[in-house]
Amino acid sequence: MNAVLLQYFLLLISFLHHASSNSVPVFNAIYSFGASYEDTGNLAILSPTSNPMKLPYGETFFDSPTGRASDGRLVIDRIASYLGLSFIPPSLAQGQDFSKGANFAVYGTTTLNISFFQKNKIRINILKNTTLSVQLEWFENQKPSICKCNTTCMKFFTKSLFMLGKFGVNDYLSMLFAGKTIDFINSTIPLVVKTIRSAAERLLRQGVMHLVVAGIIPTGCSPVILTYFASTNRSDYDSLGCLQVYNNIGMYHNDLLSDAVKQLRVEFPRAKISFVQYYEPIIDFLRNPRQYGFTSGTELLACCGKGEPYNFNLSTGCGQIGVPACQNPSTFINWDGLHLTDTSYKIIADGWWKGPYADPPISGFLIGSGLNSVKRMI
């Protein structure tokens, strides 16, 4: 192998692991849609006095709350840094240049439209209508400020990364807390997945060529579910201490969504579409906590919270006065009862970037897409 080929090979390998902050970005921008696992500040704009806008939220990395539902960064923050991009600004922020990306995700967002919840007498806690369809409308209304016409937009979007976050969790949680049965929830899962698939198709038809679609978490392992839906029947819990019936919701959802992604690949053969997991890494953390640096015995506890036995209670939530956080969040999986710690999100981001929690890994998008950028560096 001559010197030029060797240099090219080494540069390509470097891109496939982590893009240097000094390198030429492979993608122009990232456009993200989702809920609290993806929200980088829209909640902060809509509700500046909400709990995620109070310490200890943000203490690990930002030293102050940013509206992110964590002690630090989210998966999208890590993916942006791997691609050599800055943190993606919330779409509701004023005076931002969204040609480098925008994050439309909002804490508490549902997949299904508000009319569905009203029809079924399900109360949802919302400050503003931010459902998946609304976030797509925000994006489409913003397009003229990003690119001048459909032709230039389609060209621009072929070099942008689009991410559909873990839509579905808030739909199912709202149904659970409204007293809906598991059978009712299971009957809605195909509709939720169909709505996500339609959103993905809507983006792909606008020229999107690189799309990430996320599955949902094992809610039966979350302190919020373990606290409020505790069972006296030991057989309702699996070997990890999770409530299996609620995890089955996530597995059913993820199976249907994975199939939907496969169908989209057939319908849009030129696009690269990755199905990424939150479910599998969280289960891995619970099975092998020490392997990931988590403290054994804290797997199902919230780092920030107050209450027995999972350190969680809705009336004494993280961010409220007198509610403490653990001394070392990096040793905890869960941050506040539903969301994850900076460390958990980093491990998940790594798994999306290079596997095994992505099909295919996002770094695989660079092959073909980023070769021109790599070549220019040689």
Protein backbone atom coordinates (compact mmCIF):
# COMPACT_ATOMS: atom_id res chain seq x y z
CA MET A 1 0.00 0.00 0.00
CA ASN A 2 1.57 3.32 -1.08
CA ALA A 3 1.75 6.36 1.19
CA VAL A 4 -1.26 8.16 -0.34
CA LEU A 5 -3.54 5.12 -0.05
CA LEU A 6 -2.38 4.49 3.51
CA GLN A 7 -3.14 8.09 4.47
CA TYR A 8 -6.58 7.87 2.85
CA PHE A 9 -7.33 4.63 4.69
CA LEU A 10 -6.32 6.06 8.07
CA LEU A 11 -8.45 9.16 7.52
CA LEU A 12 -11.47 7.06 6.61
CA ILE A 13 -11.08 4.90 9.72
CA SER A 14 -10.87 8.05 11.82
CA PHE A 15 -14.16 9.29 10.36
CA LEU A 16 -15.83 5.96 11.05
CA HIS A 17 -15.09 6.21 14.77
CA HIS A 18 -15.36 9.87 15.79
CA ALA A 19 -15.20 12.95 13.60
CA SER A 20 -12.68 15.40 14.96
CA SER A 21 -14.03 18.79 15.96
CA ASN A 22 -11.44 20.28 13.60
CA SER A 23 -12.41 18.14 10.60
CA VAL A 24 -14.61 19.11 7.67
CA PRO A 25 -18.16 18.08 8.65
CA VAL A 26 -19.56 15.26 6.53
CA PHE A 27 -23.08 16.62 6.94
CA ASN A 28 -24.23 20.21 6.57
CA ALA A 29 -26.66 19.98 9.45
CA ILE A 30 -28.77 17.83 11.77
CA TYR A 31 -32.54 18.17 12.00
CA SER A 32 -34.08 16.36 14.93
CA PHE A 33 -37.64 15.58 16.02
CA GLY A 34 -38.73 13.99 19.27
CA ALA A 35 -39.58 14.46 22.93
CA SER A 36 -37.66 14.75 26.22
CA TYR A 37 -34.85 12.37 25.24
CA GLU A 38 -34.07 14.71 22.34
CA ASP A 39 -35.16 18.18 23.53
CA THR A 40 -32.14 20.50 23.78
CA GLY A 41 -34.01 23.62 24.90
CA ASN A 42 -37.52 24.02 23.49
CA LEU A 43 -39.07 23.22 26.88
CA ALA A 44 -36.84 25.89 28.41
CA ILE A 45 -38.35 28.43 26.00
CA LEU A 46 -41.94 27.31 26.54
CA SER A 47 -41.64 26.87 30.31
CA PRO A 48 -38.59 28.60 31.83
CA THR A 49 -39.65 27.67 35.38
CA SER A 50 -40.15 23.92 34.75
CA ASN A 51 -38.11 21.39 36.75
CA PRO A 52 -35.52 20.71 33.97
CA MET A 53 -34.70 24.43 34.13
CA LYS A 54 -33.48 24.04 37.72
CA LEU A 55 -30.33 22.57 39.18
CA PRO A 56 -29.15 19.83 39.47
CA TYR A 57 -30.25 19.40 35.83
CA GLY A 58 -27.24 20.15 33.63
CA GLU A 59 -24.76 20.02 36.52
CA THR A 60 -22.37 17.46 35.00
CA PHE A 61 -21.50 19.16 31.73
CA PHE A 62 -23.15 22.55 31.34
CA ASP A 63 -22.84 23.60 35.02
CA SER A 64 -26.38 24.98 34.73
CA PRO A 65 -29.76 23.77 33.48
CA THR A 66 -30.42 24.03 29.74
CA GLY A 67 -33.80 22.33 29.55
CA ARG A 68 -32.23 18.97 28.77
CA ALA A 69 -33.77 16.16 30.83
CA SER A 70 -30.44 14.95 32.18
CA ASP A 71 -27.45 15.98 34.25
CA GLY A 72 -25.58 16.63 31.01
CA ARG A 73 -25.64 15.89 27.29
CA LEU A 74 -28.14 13.86 25.28
CA VAL A 75 -27.50 11.40 22.46
CA ILE A 76 -28.04 14.08 19.82
CA ASP A 77 -25.34 16.26 21.44
CA ARG A 78 -22.84 13.40 21.15
CA ILE A 79 -23.77 12.56 17.56
CA ALA A 80 -23.34 16.22 16.59
CA SER A 81 -19.87 16.29 18.14
CA TYR A 82 -18.89 13.04 16.39
CA LEU A 83 -19.80 14.72 13.10
CA GLY A 84 -17.84 17.88 13.90
CA LEU A 85 -20.99 19.98 14.33
CA SER A 86 -21.96 22.35 17.14
CA PHE A 87 -24.82 21.61 19.54
CA ILE A 88 -28.08 21.73 17.58
CA PRO A 89 -30.17 24.77 18.62
CA PRO A 90 -33.81 24.40 19.68
CA SER A 91 -36.13 25.41 16.85
CA LEU A 92 -38.12 27.83 19.02
CA ALA A 93 -35.04 29.92 19.80
CA GLN A 94 -34.99 33.42 18.34
CA GLY A 95 -32.20 34.76 16.15
CA GLN A 96 -30.63 31.38 15.36
CA ASP A 97 -29.10 30.26 12.07
CA PHE A 98 -30.91 26.99 11.37
CA SER A 99 -28.96 26.26 8.19
CA LYS A 100 -26.58 24.28 10.44
CA GLY A 101 -29.44 22.33 11.99
CA ALA A 102 -32.48 22.67 14.23
CA ASN A 103 -33.99 20.58 16.99
CA PHE A 104 -37.79 20.48 16.90
CA ALA A 105 -38.10 18.03 19.82
CA VAL A 106 -40.17 19.13 22.82
CA TYR A 107 -40.40 17.56 26.25
CA GLY A 108 -43.69 15.66 26.66
CA THR A 109 -44.51 15.41 22.95
CA THR A 110 -46.87 12.68 21.80
CA THR A 111 -46.91 10.91 18.47
CA LEU A 112 -50.65 10.89 17.99
CA ASN A 113 -52.62 14.08 17.48
CA ILE A 114 -54.37 15.73 20.41
CA SER A 115 -57.77 14.80 18.96
CA PHE A 116 -57.02 11.11 19.66
CA PHE A 117 -56.53 11.78 23.38
CA GLN A 118 -59.55 14.02 23.59
CA LYS A 119 -61.74 11.41 21.89
CA ASN A 120 -60.56 8.72 24.32
CA LYS A 121 -60.78 10.98 27.40
CA ILE A 122 -57.04 10.82 28.07
CA ARG A 123 -55.46 13.81 29.76
CA ILE A 124 -52.07 14.90 28.46
CA ASN A 125 -49.79 17.48 30.07
CA ILE A 126 -48.88 19.92 27.33
CA LEU A 127 -47.92 23.58 27.22
CA LYS A 128 -48.34 23.80 23.46
CA ASN A 129 -49.44 21.50 20.67
CA THR A 130 -46.09 19.91 19.74
CA THR A 131 -47.13 16.51 18.36
CA LEU A 132 -45.08 14.79 15.67
CA SER A 133 -47.21 16.25 12.86
CA VAL A 134 -46.82 19.75 14.34
CA GLN A 135 -43.02 19.38 14.55
CA LEU A 136 -42.99 18.41 10.87
CA GLU A 137 -45.04 21.51 10.06
CA TRP A 138 -42.53 23.65 11.97
CA PHE A 139 -39.74 22.16 9.90
CA GLU A 140 -41.56 22.69 6.60
CA ASN A 141 -42.41 26.29 7.53
CA GLN A 142 -38.74 26.86 8.31
CA LYS A 143 -37.48 25.48 4.99
CA PRO A 144 -37.54 28.83 3.11
CA SER A 145 -35.04 30.24 5.62
CA ILE A 146 -32.76 27.24 5.10
CA CYS A 147 -32.87 26.84 1.33
CA LYS A 148 -34.46 28.94 -1.42
CA CYS A 149 -36.48 26.42 -3.42
CA ASN A 150 -37.42 22.74 -3.58
CA THR A 151 -34.49 21.91 -5.86
CA THR A 152 -31.87 23.50 -3.62
CA CYS A 153 -33.59 22.07 -0.52
CA MET A 154 -33.48 18.54 -1.87
CA LYS A 155 -29.80 18.97 -2.69
CA PHE A 156 -29.09 20.43 0.76
CA PHE A 157 -30.98 17.68 2.57
CA THR A 158 -28.99 14.94 0.85
CA LYS A 159 -26.07 16.25 2.91
CA SER A 160 -28.02 16.62 6.18
CA LEU A 161 -28.75 14.07 8.90
CA PHE A 162 -32.36 13.71 10.06
CA MET A 163 -33.32 12.04 13.33
CA LEU A 164 -36.74 10.84 14.50
CA GLY A 165 -36.50 10.30 18.26
CA LYS A 166 -38.26 7.89 20.58
CA PHE A 167 -41.82 8.78 19.69
CA GLY A 168 -44.46 6.67 21.47
CA VAL A 169 -43.41 6.67 25.13
CA ASN A 170 -45.51 9.71 26.06
CA ASP A 171 -48.52 8.29 24.23
CA TYR A 172 -48.35 5.05 26.20
CA LEU A 173 -47.57 6.72 29.54
CA SER A 174 -50.53 9.06 29.10
CA MET A 175 -52.78 6.06 28.48
CA LEU A 176 -51.41 4.20 31.49
CA PHE A 177 -51.90 7.11 33.88
CA ALA A 178 -55.41 7.60 32.47
CA GLY A 179 -56.23 4.06 33.57
CA LYS A 180 -56.38 2.50 30.11
CA THR A 181 -55.88 -1.26 29.96
CA ILE A 182 -52.85 -2.99 28.47
CA ASP A 183 -55.14 -4.42 25.78
CA PHE A 184 -56.24 -0.90 24.85
CA ILE A 185 -52.63 0.30 24.69
CA ASN A 186 -51.56 -2.68 22.58
CA SER A 187 -54.39 -1.89 20.17
CA THR A 188 -52.97 1.62 19.64
CA ILE A 189 -49.38 0.57 18.98
CA PRO A 190 -49.90 -0.13 15.24
CA LEU A 191 -51.43 3.35 14.89
CA VAL A 192 -48.50 4.99 16.71
CA VAL A 193 -45.97 3.15 14.53
CA LYS A 194 -47.95 3.96 11.37
CA THR A 195 -47.80 7.65 12.33
CA ILE A 196 -44.01 7.48 12.79
CA ARG A 197 -43.65 5.66 9.47
CA SER A 198 -45.75 8.30 7.73
CA ALA A 199 -43.55 11.03 9.22
CA ALA A 200 -40.41 9.27 7.97
CA GLU A 201 -41.94 8.90 4.51
CA ARG A 202 -42.90 12.58 4.51
CA LEU A 203 -39.28 13.53 5.16
CA LEU A 204 -37.89 11.09 2.62
CA ARG A 205 -40.16 12.51 -0.08
CA GLN A 206 -38.62 15.93 0.56
CA GLY A 207 -35.16 14.72 -0.38
CA VAL A 208 -33.89 13.38 2.94
CA MET A 209 -31.27 10.72 2.23
CA HIS A 210 -29.90 9.96 5.72
CA LEU A 211 -32.51 9.19 8.35
CA VAL A 212 -32.26 7.80 11.89
CA VAL A 213 -35.41 6.27 13.44
CA ALA A 214 -35.33 5.45 17.16
CA GLY A 215 -37.19 2.75 19.05
CA ILE A 216 -38.48 3.25 22.58
CA ILE A 217 -37.20 2.42 26.06
CA PRO A 218 -38.13 -0.51 28.34
CA THR A 219 -40.61 1.52 30.39
CA GLY A 220 -41.10 -1.41 32.78
CA CYS A 221 -37.58 -0.71 34.07
CA SER A 222 -38.18 3.00 34.73
CA PRO A 223 -38.56 4.18 38.34
CA VAL A 224 -41.75 6.04 37.43
CA ILE A 225 -43.48 2.85 36.25
CA LEU A 226 -41.96 0.67 38.97
CA THR A 227 -43.23 3.13 41.59
CA TYR A 228 -46.77 3.76 40.37
CA PHE A 229 -47.60 0.36 38.94
CA ALA A 230 -45.92 -1.82 41.55
CA SER A 231 -47.29 -5.34 41.85
CA THR A 232 -47.60 -7.68 44.84
CA ASN A 233 -47.20 -10.61 42.46
CA ARG A 234 -43.50 -11.50 42.18
CA SER A 235 -44.11 -13.24 38.87
CA ASP A 236 -44.95 -9.88 37.27
CA TYR A 237 -41.26 -8.92 37.55
CA ASP A 238 -38.50 -10.31 35.35
CA SER A 239 -35.03 -11.34 36.54
CA LEU A 240 -33.82 -7.71 36.31
CA GLY A 241 -36.61 -6.42 38.55
CA CYS A 242 -38.55 -4.83 35.68
CA LEU A 243 -42.31 -5.10 35.18
CA GLN A 244 -42.52 -7.34 32.15
CA VAL A 245 -46.01 -6.38 30.95
CA TYR A 246 -44.88 -2.78 30.41
CA ASN A 247 -41.67 -3.87 28.71
CA ASN A 248 -43.80 -5.93 26.34
CA ILE A 249 -45.31 -2.66 25.10
CA GLY A 250 -41.84 -1.48 24.10
CA MET A 251 -40.90 -4.77 22.46
CA TYR A 252 -44.11 -4.84 20.41
CA HIS A 253 -43.64 -1.20 19.38
CA ASN A 254 -39.99 -1.73 18.43
CA ASP A 255 -40.74 -4.88 16.42
CA LEU A 256 -43.39 -3.09 14.38
CA LEU A 257 -41.18 -0.03 13.92
CA SER A 258 -38.23 -2.15 12.80
CA ASP A 259 -40.48 -3.76 10.18
CA ALA A 260 -41.68 -0.33 9.08
CA VAL A 261 -38.08 0.82 8.58
CA LYS A 262 -37.39 -2.24 6.44
CA GLN A 263 -40.42 -1.37 4.29
CA LEU A 264 -39.15 2.19 3.89
CA ARG A 265 -35.78 0.90 2.69
CA VAL A 266 -37.57 -0.97 -0.09
CA GLU A 267 -39.67 2.07 -0.98
CA PHE A 268 -36.68 4.44 -0.90
CA PRO A 269 -33.71 2.28 -1.98
CA ARG A 270 -31.33 5.24 -2.45
CA ALA A 271 -31.82 6.51 1.10
CA LYS A 272 -29.85 5.30 4.11
CA ILE A 273 -32.16 4.61 7.04
CA SER A 274 -30.89 3.45 10.43
CA PHE A 275 -33.09 1.89 13.12
CA VAL A 276 -31.52 2.70 16.49
CA GLN A 277 -32.29 1.31 19.94
CA TYR A 278 -32.77 2.68 23.43
CA TYR A 279 -34.31 -0.58 24.64
CA GLU A 280 -31.34 -2.93 24.14
CA PRO A 281 -28.63 -0.73 25.69
CA ILE A 282 -30.72 -0.05 28.81
CA ILE A 283 -31.31 -3.79 29.24
CA ASP A 284 -27.56 -4.34 28.76
CA PHE A 285 -26.83 -1.76 31.49
CA LEU A 286 -29.16 -3.57 33.88
CA ARG A 287 -27.65 -6.98 33.14
CA ASN A 288 -24.02 -5.90 33.38
CA PRO A 289 -23.85 -2.62 35.35
CA ARG A 290 -20.21 -2.89 36.37
CA GLN A 291 -19.13 -3.47 32.78
CA TYR A 292 -20.37 0.04 31.99
CA GLY A 293 -19.15 1.68 35.19
CA PHE A 294 -22.51 1.72 36.99
CA THR A 295 -22.76 0.85 40.67
CA SER A 296 -24.35 -2.52 41.33
CA GLY A 297 -27.51 -2.16 43.40
CA THR A 298 -28.51 1.22 41.93
CA GLU A 299 -29.64 -0.07 38.54
CA LEU A 300 -33.33 0.71 39.03
CA LEU A 301 -32.90 3.83 41.18
CA ALA A 302 -33.16 7.44 40.09
CA CYS A 303 -30.01 9.45 40.77
CA CYS A 304 -32.01 12.62 41.37
CA GLY A 305 -35.18 12.15 43.35
CA LYS A 306 -36.77 11.29 46.66
CA GLY A 307 -39.00 8.38 47.59
CA GLU A 308 -39.03 4.66 48.29
CA PRO A 309 -38.07 2.20 46.99
CA TYR A 310 -36.82 3.60 43.66
CA ASN A 311 -35.83 7.10 44.81
CA PHE A 312 -38.76 8.55 42.91
CA ASN A 313 -42.04 10.31 43.60
CA LEU A 314 -43.95 12.66 41.30
CA SER A 315 -44.59 15.08 44.16
CA THR A 316 -40.87 15.27 45.02
CA GLY A 317 -39.34 15.29 41.56
CA CYS A 318 -35.82 16.24 40.55
CA GLY A 319 -35.37 20.01 40.46
CA GLN A 320 -37.71 20.72 43.34
CA ILE A 321 -36.46 22.30 46.56
CA GLY A 322 -35.01 19.75 48.95
CA VAL A 323 -34.78 16.96 46.39
CA PRO A 324 -31.18 15.69 46.27
CA ALA A 325 -29.12 14.15 43.50
CA CYS A 326 -26.60 11.36 43.94
CA GLN A 327 -22.98 12.42 44.41
CA ASN A 328 -21.70 10.72 41.25
CA PRO A 329 -24.30 10.57 38.44
CA SER A 330 -21.85 8.71 36.19
CA THR A 331 -22.40 5.61 38.34
CA PHE A 332 -26.19 5.70 37.78
CA ILE A 333 -28.17 4.63 34.72
CA ASN A 334 -31.29 6.66 35.44
CA TRP A 335 -31.23 10.37 36.18
CA ASP A 336 -34.68 11.49 37.35
CA GLY A 337 -37.07 8.54 37.16
CA LEU A 338 -37.65 8.41 33.41
CA HIS A 339 -34.64 10.02 31.74
CA LEU A 340 -31.01 8.94 31.68
CA THR A 341 -27.67 10.29 32.88
CA ASP A 342 -25.01 11.91 30.73
CA THR A 343 -22.97 8.70 30.98
CA SER A 344 -25.86 6.49 29.84
CA TYR A 345 -26.55 8.73 26.87
CA LYS A 346 -22.87 8.66 25.88
CA ILE A 347 -22.76 4.85 25.83
CA ILE A 348 -25.96 4.76 23.80
CA ALA A 349 -24.61 7.38 21.38
CA ASP A 350 -21.45 5.31 20.89
CA GLY A 351 -23.67 2.28 20.19
CA TRP A 352 -25.61 4.22 17.58
CA TRP A 353 -22.43 5.56 16.04
CA LYS A 354 -20.50 2.33 15.59
CA GLY A 355 -22.88 -0.42 16.79
CA PRO A 356 -24.27 -2.59 18.22
CA TYR A 357 -27.36 -0.49 18.96
CA ALA A 358 -27.99 0.66 15.38
CA ASP A 359 -28.89 -1.06 12.12
CA PRO A 360 -26.83 0.14 10.34
CA PRO A 361 -24.48 2.24 12.54
CA ILE A 362 -24.62 5.96 11.81
CA SER A 363 -20.89 5.96 11.01
CA GLY A 364 -21.78 3.78 8.03
CA PHE A 365 -23.57 6.80 6.53
CA LEU A 366 -20.14 8.38 6.02
CA ILE A 367 -19.20 5.78 3.45
CA GLY A 368 -20.22 7.32 0.16
CA SER A 369 -21.56 10.49 1.77
CA GLY A 370 -18.32 11.70 3.25
CA LEU A 371 -15.72 10.43 0.80
CA ASN A 372 -15.52 13.75 -0.97
CA SER A 373 -14.84 15.49 2.32
CA VAL A 374 -12.19 12.94 3.18
CA LYS A 375 -10.56 13.22 -0.21
CA ARG A 376 -10.32 16.98 0.09
CA MET A 377 -8.29 16.50 3.26
CA ILE A 378 -5.64 14.30 1.61
